[in-house]
Amino acid sequence: MSNLGSCNTTNQAVIQWVKEMADLCQPDRVYWCDGSEAEKQALTAQAVADGVLLKLNPEKLPGCFYHRSNPNDVARVEQCTYICTDVETDAGPTNNWAPPKEMKERLYGLARGGMKGRTLYVIPYLMGPAGSAMSKVGVELSDSIYVALNMRIMTRMGRIAYQQLGTSDDFNRGLHCMLDVNPERRYICHFPRENLIISVGSAYGGNVLLGKKCLALRIGSYLGRQEGWMAEHMLVLGVESPRGEKTYVAAAFPSACGKTNFAMLIPPERFAGWKVWTLGDDIAWMKPGPDGRLYAINPEAGYFGVAPGTNYKSNPNAMQTIARDTIYTNVALTPDLDVWWEGKDGEPPAQATDWQGRPWTPASKEKAAHPNSRFTAPMANNPALAPEVNDPNGVPISAIVFGGRRATTMPLVFQAFNWTHGVFIGATLGSEMTAAAVGGMGQVRRDPMAMLPFCGYNMGGYFRHWLRMRKRLKFPPRIFHVNWFRKDAEGNFLWPGFGENMRVLKWIVDRCHGRADANETPLGWVPGAKDIDLEGLDGFTAEHLEEALNIDLEEWRRELLMQEELFLKLYSHLPKELIFQRELLVSRL
């Protein structure tokens, strides 16, 4: 096929690769995205005309659109996600592995002629601020106009990417073919050595917005190990005191543990004058700086967030962010073309159309919005967006926080004794499964550093990379663990959560600056009841706080046995330091 459309780059490596893939996939036409406002209007109008998007009520949701995906294609599919390395041990026991040559033959076989009758969109994008040495360029080829419009929100898309790339051939190559969205032919495959991603048979964001989990984490973590930096599933926020002192914190929580809420936290009235700024809600790329500190950028430019449970109580900043210029996927639709989901403010609508296009009322047995329904919104909409978000140097990280959803065992907050102990805390991170995960509700799933589904190589090697990073840092961030979800004997949450998490965050910040006390315990440094400011928390006493901070030795003996399962799985590649940390914890308990 020779018709490449009007190519808008002089980079020969990009042109050549697009030609090869167009010859393979046989699209009717090739469209080169430039990221302009005129293009956004034209592509949006096309998507509406094709029935891919529906325009929402412009009075209530200006610039917002609705998309419904195939009911068989509504979430990430870990069983269809592969790391294709030459040797199976490089992928490790927590990833699906396939030999690169065979997998590529299979994928190219599926893609051959797979775009006939369709348009191939060439989507150049930049992950990270323009001009940053930490940023990376990707080019995604997709036959989905939905992908083109979402990538425009989620990344710095268009000519800006070609400017960063120049004449180099060092860019991530991403091929996405929807095919017929058949789960039997669904593959999301990563070829780390070639910096290549191929996704076929899906149209769901997590599988097809290739800059997100695929490049930013799976390929990113592999490149980070090669190049001496870290790609992490972490939010980044800035805490500003009334005196103007800014402290930057990165935090890793598994899904459904309040990550976006924490990234967009609004301090309660007691903390008048304090501000929390959002740098990123999902991914952090972190690199040692010349001053020996760890610097982070957010490679993304938008938020791909879970809608259910998002409301003005849980996350006012998110609600303002998604009030305009947002694409909603698989939520419910009201008769006046507004959107609704379970957990949204106000009463449920008397009638609606559910995420599968069926009539819905509050009496319906099934949920109106899919539990994994999403919004894609530009970060520029966030009223608490950090002014440093486009700083090419990134921001210096003072604290790394791990957290999971645990009804028992884990105290509200504790601090690691040192970096190696902190790596052990991250490596043993566990969270109770929620409805969104396949498996038993309430079962604890180990999710090291919240990276289990996203690490692009052997998890044991990933732990070793974390340990090695300490040698490159003169001033490593302090490491903490939080648990907002501990319950009492009656099943009530012990901690109020949401904006009140600022009280714990302030203790973390004060610890980083050497201003707060803590008690030494077998787990690490734990605040005393007097160390956390409880003023203005009605009905919450120092006794309640002590219960939330309590360490039950019997529960911890059970926890140690549960942690062993993952360690046995990774044993052949597990760094000895983590085995020693486990022995030290056993002896302290």
Protein backbone atom coordinates (compact mmCIF):
# COMPACT_ATOMS: atom_id res chain seq x y z
CA MET A 1 0.00 0.00 0.00
CA SER A 2 1.50 3.32 -0.99
CA ASN A 3 -1.19 5.80 0.11
CA LEU A 4 0.23 7.12 3.40
CA GLY A 5 -1.90 10.27 3.38
CA SER A 6 -0.33 13.66 4.09
CA CYS A 7 2.61 12.73 6.31
CA ASN A 8 3.45 15.48 8.86
CA THR A 9 6.94 14.46 9.96
CA THR A 10 10.35 14.22 8.31
CA ASN A 11 11.54 11.51 10.75
CA GLN A 12 12.47 8.66 8.40
CA ALA A 13 12.22 5.95 11.09
CA VAL A 14 8.62 6.95 11.84
CA ILE A 15 7.67 7.16 8.13
CA GLN A 16 9.25 3.79 7.35
CA TRP A 17 7.55 2.04 10.30
CA VAL A 18 4.13 3.52 9.46
CA LYS A 19 4.57 2.32 5.87
CA GLU A 20 5.43 -1.23 7.00
CA MET A 21 2.44 -1.41 9.35
CA ALA A 22 0.05 0.11 6.77
CA ASP A 23 1.22 -2.51 4.25
CA LEU A 24 0.48 -5.18 6.86
CA CYS A 25 -2.91 -3.91 8.13
CA GLN A 26 -4.26 -2.58 4.79
CA PRO A 27 -6.33 0.40 6.06
CA ASP A 28 -8.42 2.34 3.53
CA ARG A 29 -6.67 5.55 4.58
CA VAL A 30 -3.90 6.78 6.88
CA TYR A 31 -4.51 9.87 9.02
CA TRP A 32 -1.53 11.62 10.69
CA CYS A 33 -2.60 13.32 13.94
CA ASP A 34 -1.09 16.75 14.68
CA GLY A 35 -2.70 17.50 18.06
CA SER A 36 -4.32 20.79 16.91
CA GLU A 37 -7.61 22.18 18.20
CA ALA A 38 -9.08 22.07 14.65
CA GLU A 39 -8.22 18.38 14.46
CA LYS A 40 -9.93 17.71 17.81
CA GLN A 41 -13.14 19.32 16.52
CA ALA A 42 -13.01 17.38 13.24
CA LEU A 43 -12.25 13.98 14.85
CA THR A 44 -14.93 14.51 17.51
CA ALA A 45 -17.53 15.36 14.85
CA GLN A 46 -16.47 12.24 12.91
CA ALA A 47 -16.75 10.05 16.03
CA VAL A 48 -20.27 11.39 16.71
CA ALA A 49 -21.29 10.81 13.07
CA ASP A 50 -19.94 7.23 13.28
CA GLY A 51 -21.85 6.56 16.52
CA VAL A 52 -18.63 6.00 18.49
CA LEU A 53 -19.36 9.04 20.69
CA LEU A 54 -22.60 10.66 21.82
CA LYS A 55 -22.64 14.38 22.61
CA LEU A 56 -23.76 15.01 26.21
CA ASN A 57 -25.94 17.85 27.48
CA PRO A 58 -23.89 21.02 26.74
CA GLU A 59 -25.67 22.96 29.54
CA LYS A 60 -24.64 20.42 32.19
CA LEU A 61 -21.46 18.96 30.70
CA PRO A 62 -19.90 21.33 28.13
CA GLY A 63 -17.53 19.63 25.70
CA CYS A 64 -18.28 16.16 27.14
CA PHE A 65 -19.03 12.96 25.24
CA TYR A 66 -20.26 9.45 26.00
CA HIS A 67 -18.88 6.12 24.79
CA ARG A 68 -20.13 2.60 25.32
CA SER A 69 -17.75 -0.32 24.83
CA ASN A 70 -18.50 -3.93 23.96
CA PRO A 71 -19.76 -5.73 27.12
CA ASN A 72 -16.98 -8.32 26.66
CA ASP A 73 -14.33 -5.57 26.71
CA VAL A 74 -14.60 -3.46 29.87
CA ALA A 75 -11.35 -3.92 31.82
CA ARG A 76 -7.67 -4.79 31.67
CA VAL A 77 -7.15 -8.48 30.92
CA GLU A 78 -4.15 -9.79 32.83
CA GLN A 79 -4.56 -13.29 31.35
CA CYS A 80 -4.14 -11.82 27.82
CA THR A 81 -1.18 -9.58 28.75
CA TYR A 82 2.29 -10.89 27.85
CA ILE A 83 5.89 -9.91 28.38
CA CYS A 84 7.87 -11.27 25.41
CA THR A 85 11.52 -11.66 26.38
CA ASP A 86 14.14 -14.01 24.90
CA VAL A 87 14.34 -16.00 28.15
CA GLU A 88 11.28 -16.87 30.24
CA THR A 89 12.99 -16.14 33.60
CA ASP A 90 13.44 -12.50 32.48
CA ALA A 91 9.63 -12.10 32.54
CA GLY A 92 9.42 -13.90 35.89
CA PRO A 93 6.70 -16.03 37.50
CA THR A 94 4.22 -13.14 38.00
CA ASN A 95 3.96 -12.33 34.25
CA ASN A 96 2.63 -14.31 31.28
CA TRP A 97 5.54 -15.03 28.94
CA ALA A 98 5.77 -15.84 25.23
CA PRO A 99 8.82 -16.12 22.94
CA PRO A 100 9.08 -12.85 20.93
CA LYS A 101 9.48 -14.38 17.46
CA GLU A 102 6.50 -16.76 17.75
CA MET A 103 4.24 -14.17 19.39
CA LYS A 104 5.08 -11.56 16.77
CA GLU A 105 4.24 -14.01 13.97
CA ARG A 106 0.89 -14.76 15.62
CA LEU A 107 0.07 -11.04 16.15
CA TYR A 108 1.09 -10.02 12.62
CA GLY A 109 -1.04 -12.90 11.34
CA LEU A 110 -4.05 -11.47 13.18
CA ALA A 111 -3.28 -7.87 12.09
CA ARG A 112 -2.77 -8.78 8.42
CA GLY A 113 -5.57 -6.98 6.54
CA GLY A 114 -7.14 -6.22 9.94
CA MET A 115 -7.78 -2.54 9.14
CA LYS A 116 -9.50 -3.01 5.76
CA GLY A 117 -12.40 -0.55 5.48
CA ARG A 118 -10.96 1.52 8.35
CA THR A 119 -8.69 4.49 8.98
CA LEU A 120 -5.26 4.03 10.54
CA TYR A 121 -4.55 6.93 12.91
CA VAL A 122 -0.87 7.79 13.40
CA ILE A 123 -0.74 9.13 16.98
CA PRO A 124 2.63 10.67 17.99
CA TYR A 125 2.75 11.39 21.71
CA LEU A 126 5.12 12.61 24.39
CA MET A 127 5.16 11.08 27.88
CA GLY A 128 6.39 13.75 30.27
CA PRO A 129 7.07 17.51 30.01
CA ALA A 130 8.46 18.92 26.75
CA GLY A 131 12.24 19.27 26.84
CA SER A 132 12.68 16.94 29.83
CA ALA A 133 15.53 14.41 29.73
CA MET A 134 13.12 12.08 31.59
CA SER A 135 10.40 12.20 28.89
CA LYS A 136 9.85 9.53 26.22
CA VAL A 137 8.27 9.62 22.76
CA GLY A 138 5.82 7.03 21.47
CA VAL A 139 3.98 6.58 18.16
CA GLU A 140 0.77 4.56 18.37
CA LEU A 141 -0.93 3.30 15.22
CA SER A 142 -4.61 2.56 15.88
CA ASP A 143 -7.78 1.99 13.89
CA SER A 144 -9.88 3.49 16.71
CA ILE A 145 -10.95 7.13 16.63
CA TYR A 146 -11.82 6.68 20.35
CA VAL A 147 -8.14 5.89 20.99
CA ALA A 148 -6.99 8.95 19.01
CA LEU A 149 -9.27 11.26 21.03
CA ASN A 150 -8.36 9.68 24.39
CA MET A 151 -4.61 9.77 23.66
CA ARG A 152 -5.02 13.49 22.93
CA ILE A 153 -6.30 13.93 26.52
CA MET A 154 -3.97 11.47 28.26
CA THR A 155 -0.67 12.51 26.63
CA ARG A 156 0.99 15.52 25.04
CA MET A 157 -0.09 14.42 21.57
CA GLY A 158 0.88 15.75 18.14
CA ARG A 159 3.74 17.81 16.71
CA ILE A 160 5.23 18.34 20.19
CA ALA A 161 6.29 14.65 20.15
CA TYR A 162 8.09 14.97 16.80
CA GLN A 163 9.88 18.08 18.11
CA GLN A 164 11.19 16.09 21.10
CA LEU A 165 12.14 13.12 18.87
CA GLY A 166 14.02 15.10 16.20
CA THR A 167 15.79 12.71 13.79
CA SER A 168 16.22 9.94 16.40
CA ASP A 169 14.76 6.45 15.91
CA ASP A 170 14.48 5.98 19.71
CA PHE A 171 10.71 5.94 20.16
CA ASN A 172 8.18 3.41 21.40
CA ARG A 173 6.40 1.68 18.54
CA GLY A 174 2.80 0.77 19.35
CA LEU A 175 0.37 -1.06 17.06
CA HIS A 176 -3.30 -1.39 18.02
CA CYS A 177 -5.86 -3.28 15.90
CA MET A 178 -9.41 -3.60 17.23
CA LEU A 179 -10.20 -6.52 14.87
CA ASP A 180 -13.70 -7.79 15.87
CA VAL A 181 -13.10 -7.32 19.65
CA ASN A 182 -13.21 -11.07 20.17
CA PRO A 183 -11.86 -12.15 23.60
CA GLU A 184 -10.47 -15.34 21.97
CA ARG A 185 -8.13 -13.16 19.87
CA ARG A 186 -7.22 -10.56 22.49
CA TYR A 187 -3.53 -9.98 23.17
CA ILE A 188 -1.67 -7.11 24.83
CA CYS A 189 1.99 -7.88 24.20
CA HIS A 190 5.17 -6.08 25.22
CA PHE A 191 8.57 -6.59 23.59
CA PRO A 192 10.87 -4.69 26.02
CA ARG A 193 14.13 -5.20 24.12
CA GLU A 194 12.59 -3.65 20.97
CA ASN A 195 10.58 -0.97 22.81
CA LEU A 196 7.51 -2.34 21.00
CA ILE A 197 3.87 -2.88 22.05
CA ILE A 198 1.23 -4.74 20.02
CA SER A 199 -2.39 -4.82 21.19
CA VAL A 200 -5.10 -6.64 19.24
CA GLY A 201 -8.74 -7.57 19.83
CA SER A 202 -9.64 -4.92 22.43
CA ALA A 203 -10.95 -1.35 22.43
CA TYR A 204 -10.88 -0.78 26.23
CA GLY A 205 -8.67 2.11 27.38
CA GLY A 206 -6.38 0.15 29.73
CA ASN A 207 -5.51 -2.24 26.88
CA VAL A 208 -5.32 0.22 23.99
CA LEU A 209 -4.14 3.62 25.27
CA LEU A 210 -0.62 2.32 24.86
CA GLY A 211 1.09 5.27 26.55
CA LYS A 212 -0.55 4.40 29.87
CA LYS A 213 0.14 1.06 31.59
CA CYS A 214 1.91 -0.46 28.56
CA LEU A 215 4.64 2.15 27.94
CA ALA A 216 4.59 4.15 31.19
CA LEU A 217 4.89 1.06 33.41
CA ARG A 218 5.61 -2.29 31.69
CA ILE A 219 8.09 -0.99 29.10
CA GLY A 220 9.02 1.95 31.37
CA SER A 221 10.04 -0.28 34.29
CA TYR A 222 12.29 -2.30 31.94
CA LEU A 223 13.88 0.85 30.48
CA GLY A 224 14.23 2.29 33.99
CA ARG A 225 16.29 -0.69 35.10
CA GLN A 226 18.51 -0.39 32.00
CA GLU A 227 18.93 3.38 32.30
CA GLY A 228 19.00 3.89 36.09
CA TRP A 229 15.55 5.34 36.87
CA MET A 230 12.20 4.08 38.19
CA ALA A 231 8.79 3.79 36.53
CA GLU A 232 6.24 3.43 39.32
CA HIS A 233 2.46 3.04 39.73
CA MET A 234 2.37 6.09 42.01
CA LEU A 235 0.53 9.35 42.48
CA VAL A 236 2.64 12.44 43.14
CA LEU A 237 1.37 15.33 45.27
CA GLY A 238 2.81 18.50 46.76
CA VAL A 239 1.95 19.68 50.28
CA GLU A 240 2.30 23.43 50.84
CA SER A 241 2.30 24.83 54.38
CA PRO A 242 0.89 28.29 55.25
CA ARG A 243 4.54 29.48 55.30
CA GLY A 244 5.02 28.38 51.67
CA GLU A 245 7.21 25.30 52.40
CA LYS A 246 6.55 22.63 49.74
CA THR A 247 7.09 18.90 50.29
CA TYR A 248 6.55 16.33 47.53
CA VAL A 249 5.19 12.87 48.22
CA ALA A 250 4.81 9.82 45.95
CA ALA A 251 2.33 7.09 46.92
CA ALA A 252 1.53 3.59 45.61
CA PHE A 253 -1.90 2.10 46.35
CA PRO A 254 -3.50 -0.90 44.57
CA SER A 255 -6.82 -0.26 42.80
CA ALA A 256 -9.84 0.80 44.93
CA CYS A 257 -7.64 2.14 47.75
CA GLY A 258 -8.34 5.84 47.21
CA LYS A 259 -5.37 6.79 45.04
CA THR A 260 -7.03 9.53 42.98
CA ASN A 261 -8.79 10.83 46.13
CA PHE A 262 -5.43 11.13 47.93
CA ALA A 263 -3.79 12.80 44.90
CA MET A 264 -6.57 15.44 44.89
CA LEU A 265 -7.02 15.74 48.66
CA ILE A 266 -8.61 18.94 50.02
CA PRO A 267 -7.41 19.75 53.57
CA PRO A 268 -10.17 20.08 56.22
CA GLU A 269 -11.01 23.41 57.90
CA ARG A 270 -8.56 22.73 60.74
CA PHE A 271 -5.76 23.06 58.14
CA ALA A 272 -6.67 26.52 56.87
CA GLY A 273 -3.78 27.88 54.80
CA TRP A 274 -2.49 24.42 53.83
CA LYS A 275 -2.71 23.35 50.17
CA VAL A 276 -2.35 19.98 48.46
CA TRP A 277 -1.31 20.15 44.79
CA THR A 278 -1.76 17.27 42.33
CA LEU A 279 1.21 16.43 40.12
CA GLY A 280 -0.12 13.05 39.03
CA ASP A 281 -2.78 10.53 40.09
CA ASP A 282 -1.39 7.28 38.69
CA ILE A 283 2.18 7.12 37.35
CA ALA A 284 5.53 8.54 38.44
CA TRP A 285 8.85 8.39 36.62
CA MET A 286 11.64 9.03 39.13
CA LYS A 287 15.35 9.62 38.61
CA PRO A 288 18.26 10.57 40.91
CA GLY A 289 19.14 14.26 40.52
CA PRO A 290 22.61 15.87 40.62
CA ASP A 291 21.97 16.87 44.27
CA GLY A 292 21.48 13.23 45.36
CA ARG A 293 17.70 13.49 45.75
CA LEU A 294 15.06 11.51 43.84
CA TYR A 295 13.15 13.63 41.27
CA ALA A 296 9.74 12.71 39.81
CA ILE A 297 7.70 13.69 36.77
CA ASN A 298 4.16 12.69 35.84
CA PRO A 299 4.47 11.30 32.29
CA GLU A 300 0.72 11.74 31.65
CA ALA A 301 -1.37 14.79 30.76
CA GLY A 302 -4.80 13.52 31.84
CA TYR A 303 -6.73 11.30 34.21
CA PHE A 304 -8.29 7.95 33.25
CA GLY A 305 -10.27 7.50 36.46
CA VAL A 306 -12.90 5.11 37.79
CA ALA A 307 -16.29 6.89 37.94
CA PRO A 308 -18.29 4.84 40.52
CA GLY A 309 -17.79 6.24 44.03
CA THR A 310 -16.51 9.59 42.73
CA ASN A 311 -18.57 12.42 44.27
CA TYR A 312 -18.25 15.81 45.97
CA LYS A 313 -17.58 14.18 49.36
CA SER A 314 -14.92 11.69 48.22
CA ASN A 315 -13.24 13.92 45.63
CA PRO A 316 -14.49 17.48 44.96
CA ASN A 317 -11.47 18.28 42.74
CA ALA A 318 -12.16 15.27 40.50
CA MET A 319 -15.81 16.33 40.15
CA GLN A 320 -14.72 19.79 38.99
CA THR A 321 -12.11 18.24 36.67
CA ILE A 322 -14.67 16.05 34.87
CA ALA A 323 -17.33 18.77 34.51
CA ARG A 324 -16.10 19.68 31.00
CA ASP A 325 -14.07 18.37 28.02
CA THR A 326 -14.32 14.79 29.32
CA ILE A 327 -15.03 11.45 27.64
CA TYR A 328 -17.20 9.15 29.78
CA THR A 329 -17.10 5.39 29.11
CA ASN A 330 -19.67 2.80 30.32
CA VAL A 331 -21.46 5.03 32.85
CA ALA A 332 -25.28 5.38 32.82
CA LEU A 333 -27.08 7.94 30.67
CA THR A 334 -30.09 9.99 31.86
CA PRO A 335 -32.95 11.05 29.53
CA ASP A 336 -31.63 14.65 29.42
CA LEU A 337 -28.16 13.38 28.32
CA ASP A 338 -26.45 13.75 31.67
CA VAL A 339 -24.35 10.94 33.19
CA TRP A 340 -24.89 8.94 36.37
CA TRP A 341 -23.10 6.22 38.31
CA GLU A 342 -23.41 4.46 41.63
CA GLY A 343 -22.07 6.72 44.39
CA LYS A 344 -22.65 9.99 42.50
CA ASP A 345 -24.11 12.91 44.48
CA GLY A 346 -27.88 13.24 44.86
CA GLU A 347 -30.72 10.79 44.33
CA PRO A 348 -30.50 8.16 41.56
CA PRO A 349 -32.46 9.17 38.44
CA ALA A 350 -36.02 7.81 38.19
CA GLN A 351 -35.01 6.26 34.88
CA ALA A 352 -31.83 5.94 32.85
CA THR A 353 -30.12 3.88 30.17
CA ASP A 354 -27.52 1.55 31.68
CA TRP A 355 -23.97 1.02 30.40
CA GLN A 356 -25.19 -1.73 28.05
CA GLY A 357 -27.91 0.46 26.53
CA ARG A 358 -30.80 -1.13 28.45
CA PRO A 359 -33.58 0.72 30.35
CA TRP A 360 -32.72 1.10 34.06
CA THR A 361 -34.61 2.27 37.18
CA PRO A 362 -33.61 2.28 40.86
CA ALA A 363 -35.57 -1.01 41.16
CA SER A 364 -33.30 -2.74 38.59
CA LYS A 365 -31.20 -5.60 39.96
CA GLU A 366 -28.08 -4.76 37.93
CA LYS A 367 -25.89 -1.70 38.30
CA ALA A 368 -26.53 1.27 36.01
CA ALA A 369 -22.82 2.02 35.47
CA HIS A 370 -20.19 -0.69 35.03
CA PRO A 371 -18.07 -0.96 38.24
CA ASN A 372 -15.01 -0.14 36.07
CA SER A 373 -16.67 2.68 34.09
CA ARG A 374 -14.28 5.56 33.40
CA PHE A 375 -13.75 9.23 32.74
CA THR A 376 -10.91 10.61 30.60
CA ALA A 377 -10.24 14.23 31.57
CA PRO A 378 -7.40 16.71 30.88
CA MET A 379 -5.21 17.46 33.91
CA ALA A 380 -5.47 21.16 32.99
CA ASN A 381 -9.08 21.03 34.34
CA ASN A 382 -7.91 20.14 37.87
CA PRO A 383 -8.32 23.20 40.16
CA ALA A 384 -5.47 21.84 42.35
CA LEU A 385 -3.03 21.13 39.50
CA ALA A 386 0.54 21.71 40.71
CA PRO A 387 2.31 24.66 39.03
CA GLU A 388 5.43 22.44 38.61
CA VAL A 389 3.61 19.81 36.52
CA ASN A 390 5.44 20.87 33.32
CA ASP A 391 8.85 21.40 34.97
CA PRO A 392 11.32 19.35 32.87
CA ASN A 393 13.46 18.70 35.97
CA GLY A 394 10.60 17.19 37.99
CA VAL A 395 10.13 17.66 41.74
CA PRO A 396 12.24 16.28 44.63
CA ILE A 397 10.47 13.46 46.49
CA SER A 398 10.75 13.53 50.30
CA ALA A 399 8.41 10.61 51.11
CA ILE A 400 7.20 7.41 49.43
CA VAL A 401 3.95 6.03 50.85
CA PHE A 402 2.61 2.50 50.36
CA GLY A 403 -0.96 1.64 51.28
CA GLY A 404 -3.59 -1.07 50.93
CA ARG A 405 -7.16 -1.82 51.96
CA ARG A 406 -6.93 -3.91 55.16
CA ALA A 407 -9.73 -4.35 57.72
CA THR A 408 -7.29 -5.67 60.35
CA THR A 409 -3.54 -6.04 61.09
CA MET A 410 -2.16 -2.90 59.42
CA PRO A 411 -2.02 0.24 61.59
CA LEU A 412 -3.19 3.61 60.29
CA VAL A 413 0.41 4.71 59.57
CA PHE A 414 3.98 3.68 60.26
CA GLN A 415 7.42 4.63 58.95
CA ALA A 416 10.15 2.25 57.77
CA PHE A 417 13.41 2.21 59.73
CA ASN A 418 15.44 2.77 56.54
CA TRP A 419 15.33 2.40 52.73
CA THR A 420 15.92 -1.40 52.68
CA HIS A 421 13.23 -1.93 55.31
CA GLY A 422 10.96 0.32 53.22
CA VAL A 423 11.56 -1.85 50.14
CA PHE A 424 10.52 -4.88 52.22
CA ILE A 425 7.31 -3.04 53.26
CA GLY A 426 6.55 -2.24 49.61
CA ALA A 427 7.44 -5.78 48.48
CA THR A 428 4.95 -7.33 50.93
CA LEU A 429 2.14 -4.84 50.22
CA GLY A 430 -1.25 -6.54 50.35
CA SER A 431 -4.82 -5.38 49.80
CA GLU A 432 -8.21 -7.00 50.21
CA MET A 433 -9.87 -7.78 46.91
CA THR A 434 -12.82 -5.62 45.87
CA ALA A 435 -15.74 -6.42 43.58
CA ALA A 436 -13.70 -5.30 40.56
CA ALA A 437 -11.14 -8.11 41.01
CA VAL A 438 -11.80 -11.72 40.04
CA GLY A 439 -11.73 -13.87 43.18
CA GLY A 440 -13.06 -13.79 46.71
CA MET A 441 -14.13 -10.49 48.24
CA GLY A 442 -11.98 -9.71 51.27
CA GLN A 443 -9.15 -12.10 50.37
CA VAL A 444 -5.74 -10.42 50.68
CA ARG A 445 -3.95 -10.19 47.36
CA ARG A 446 -0.23 -9.43 47.41
CA ASP A 447 0.56 -6.53 45.11
CA PRO A 448 4.22 -5.50 45.61
CA MET A 449 4.58 -1.70 45.25
CA ALA A 450 1.10 -1.89 43.58
CA MET A 451 3.10 -3.04 40.51
CA LEU A 452 2.21 -6.74 40.21
CA PRO A 453 0.21 -6.40 36.94
CA PHE A 454 2.52 -3.70 35.57
CA CYS A 455 6.14 -4.79 36.10
CA GLY A 456 7.76 -5.48 32.72
CA TYR A 457 10.33 -7.98 33.99
CA ASN A 458 11.07 -10.43 36.82
CA MET A 459 9.65 -9.09 40.11
CA GLY A 460 12.72 -10.33 42.01
CA GLY A 461 14.93 -8.24 39.70
CA TYR A 462 12.56 -5.30 40.25
CA PHE A 463 13.11 -5.51 44.03
CA ARG A 464 16.86 -5.65 43.40
CA HIS A 465 16.61 -2.50 41.25
CA TRP A 466 14.87 -0.70 44.13
CA LEU A 467 17.66 -1.77 46.52
CA ARG A 468 20.36 -0.63 44.06
CA MET A 469 18.75 2.79 43.68
CA ARG A 470 19.69 3.51 47.30
CA LYS A 471 23.37 3.60 46.27
CA ARG A 472 22.59 6.39 43.78
CA LEU A 473 20.77 8.57 46.32
CA LYS A 474 22.53 10.72 48.89
CA PHE A 475 19.17 11.78 50.39
CA PRO A 476 16.67 8.94 49.79
CA PRO A 477 12.98 9.61 50.44
CA ARG A 478 11.62 8.26 53.73
CA ILE A 479 9.20 5.35 53.30
CA PHE A 480 5.80 4.98 55.01
CA HIS A 481 2.80 2.63 55.02
CA VAL A 482 -0.82 3.78 55.51
CA ASN A 483 -4.14 1.98 55.91
CA TRP A 484 -7.29 4.14 55.82
CA PHE A 485 -9.58 1.08 55.91
CA ARG A 486 -9.06 -0.57 59.30
CA LYS A 487 -12.31 -1.61 61.03
CA ASP A 488 -13.46 -2.18 64.61
CA ALA A 489 -15.12 -5.37 65.92
CA GLU A 490 -18.52 -4.13 64.65
CA GLY A 491 -17.19 -3.62 61.11
CA ASN A 492 -17.11 0.20 61.22
CA PHE A 493 -14.15 2.10 59.77
CA LEU A 494 -11.89 3.34 62.57
CA TRP A 495 -10.57 6.34 60.63
CA PRO A 496 -12.83 8.96 58.94
CA GLY A 497 -10.66 9.08 55.77
CA PHE A 498 -11.13 11.40 52.76
CA GLY A 499 -9.96 14.97 53.54
CA GLU A 500 -9.08 13.97 57.13
CA ASN A 501 -6.17 11.94 55.69
CA MET A 502 -4.45 15.35 55.71
CA ARG A 503 -3.81 14.76 59.44
CA VAL A 504 -1.73 11.67 58.66
CA LEU A 505 -0.10 13.38 55.67
CA LYS A 506 1.01 16.25 57.91
CA TRP A 507 2.70 13.80 60.31
CA ILE A 508 4.49 12.21 57.32
CA VAL A 509 5.66 15.65 56.11
CA ASP A 510 6.80 16.61 59.61
CA ARG A 511 8.75 13.35 59.92
CA CYS A 512 10.54 14.15 56.66
CA HIS A 513 11.57 17.53 58.11
CA GLY A 514 12.54 16.10 61.51
CA ARG A 515 9.70 17.87 63.33
CA ALA A 516 7.49 15.02 64.61
CA ASP A 517 7.87 12.33 67.26
CA ALA A 518 7.27 8.59 66.82
CA ASN A 519 7.57 5.41 68.89
CA GLU A 520 9.75 2.48 67.87
CA THR A 521 7.67 -0.69 67.35
CA PRO A 522 8.39 -4.09 65.74
CA LEU A 523 6.89 -2.75 62.45
CA GLY A 524 8.66 0.61 62.31
CA TRP A 525 8.15 4.12 63.69
CA VAL A 526 4.52 4.70 64.74
CA PRO A 527 3.07 8.04 65.91
CA GLY A 528 1.77 8.30 69.44
CA ALA A 529 -1.82 9.44 69.96
CA LYS A 530 -0.55 12.99 70.68
CA ASP A 531 1.53 13.13 67.46
CA ILE A 532 -1.47 13.35 65.11
CA ASP A 533 -3.56 16.52 65.23
CA LEU A 534 -7.16 15.52 66.08
CA GLU A 535 -8.51 19.03 66.68
CA GLY A 536 -11.87 19.60 64.98
CA LEU A 537 -12.54 15.85 64.53
CA ASP A 538 -15.94 15.56 66.24
CA GLY A 539 -16.44 12.39 68.26
CA PHE A 540 -12.99 11.02 67.36
CA THR A 541 -10.83 10.64 70.46
CA ALA A 542 -7.22 9.71 71.25
CA GLU A 543 -8.57 6.23 72.23
CA HIS A 544 -10.02 5.79 68.72
CA LEU A 545 -6.64 6.77 67.27
CA GLU A 546 -4.82 4.30 69.52
CA GLU A 547 -7.12 1.53 68.26
CA ALA A 548 -6.37 2.54 64.63
CA LEU A 549 -2.62 2.49 65.41
CA ASN A 550 -2.66 -0.76 67.43
CA ILE A 551 -0.30 -3.62 66.50
CA ASP A 552 -1.79 -7.04 67.29
CA LEU A 553 1.06 -9.59 67.49
CA GLU A 554 -1.22 -12.57 66.81
CA GLU A 555 -2.56 -10.96 63.61
CA TRP A 556 1.04 -10.24 62.58
CA ARG A 557 2.09 -13.86 62.97
CA ARG A 558 -0.69 -14.77 60.51
CA GLU A 559 0.40 -11.94 58.21
CA LEU A 560 3.96 -13.31 58.09
CA LEU A 561 2.68 -16.72 56.97
CA MET A 562 0.58 -15.05 54.23
CA GLN A 563 3.56 -13.00 53.02
CA GLU A 564 5.59 -16.16 52.58
CA GLU A 565 3.50 -17.30 49.59
CA LEU A 566 4.80 -14.56 47.27
CA PHE A 567 8.37 -14.92 48.53
CA LEU A 568 8.32 -18.65 47.73
CA LYS A 569 7.03 -17.90 44.22
CA LEU A 570 9.92 -15.46 43.61
CA TYR A 571 12.51 -17.32 45.70
CA SER A 572 15.05 -18.01 42.93
CA HIS A 573 15.34 -14.26 42.17
CA LEU A 574 14.56 -12.81 45.60
CA PRO A 575 17.29 -10.46 46.92
CA LYS A 576 18.85 -11.73 50.16
CA GLU A 577 18.25 -8.33 51.79
CA LEU A 578 14.49 -8.98 51.76
CA ILE A 579 14.93 -12.42 53.33
CA PHE A 580 17.06 -10.77 56.06
CA GLN A 581 14.39 -8.08 56.59
CA ARG A 582 11.79 -10.81 57.06
CA GLU A 583 14.00 -12.57 59.63
CA LEU A 584 14.51 -9.28 61.48
CA LEU A 585 10.75 -8.71 61.60
CA VAL A 586 10.19 -12.25 62.94
CA SER A 587 12.78 -11.66 65.66
CA ARG A 588 11.25 -8.27 66.60
CA LEU A 589 7.77 -9.81 66.85
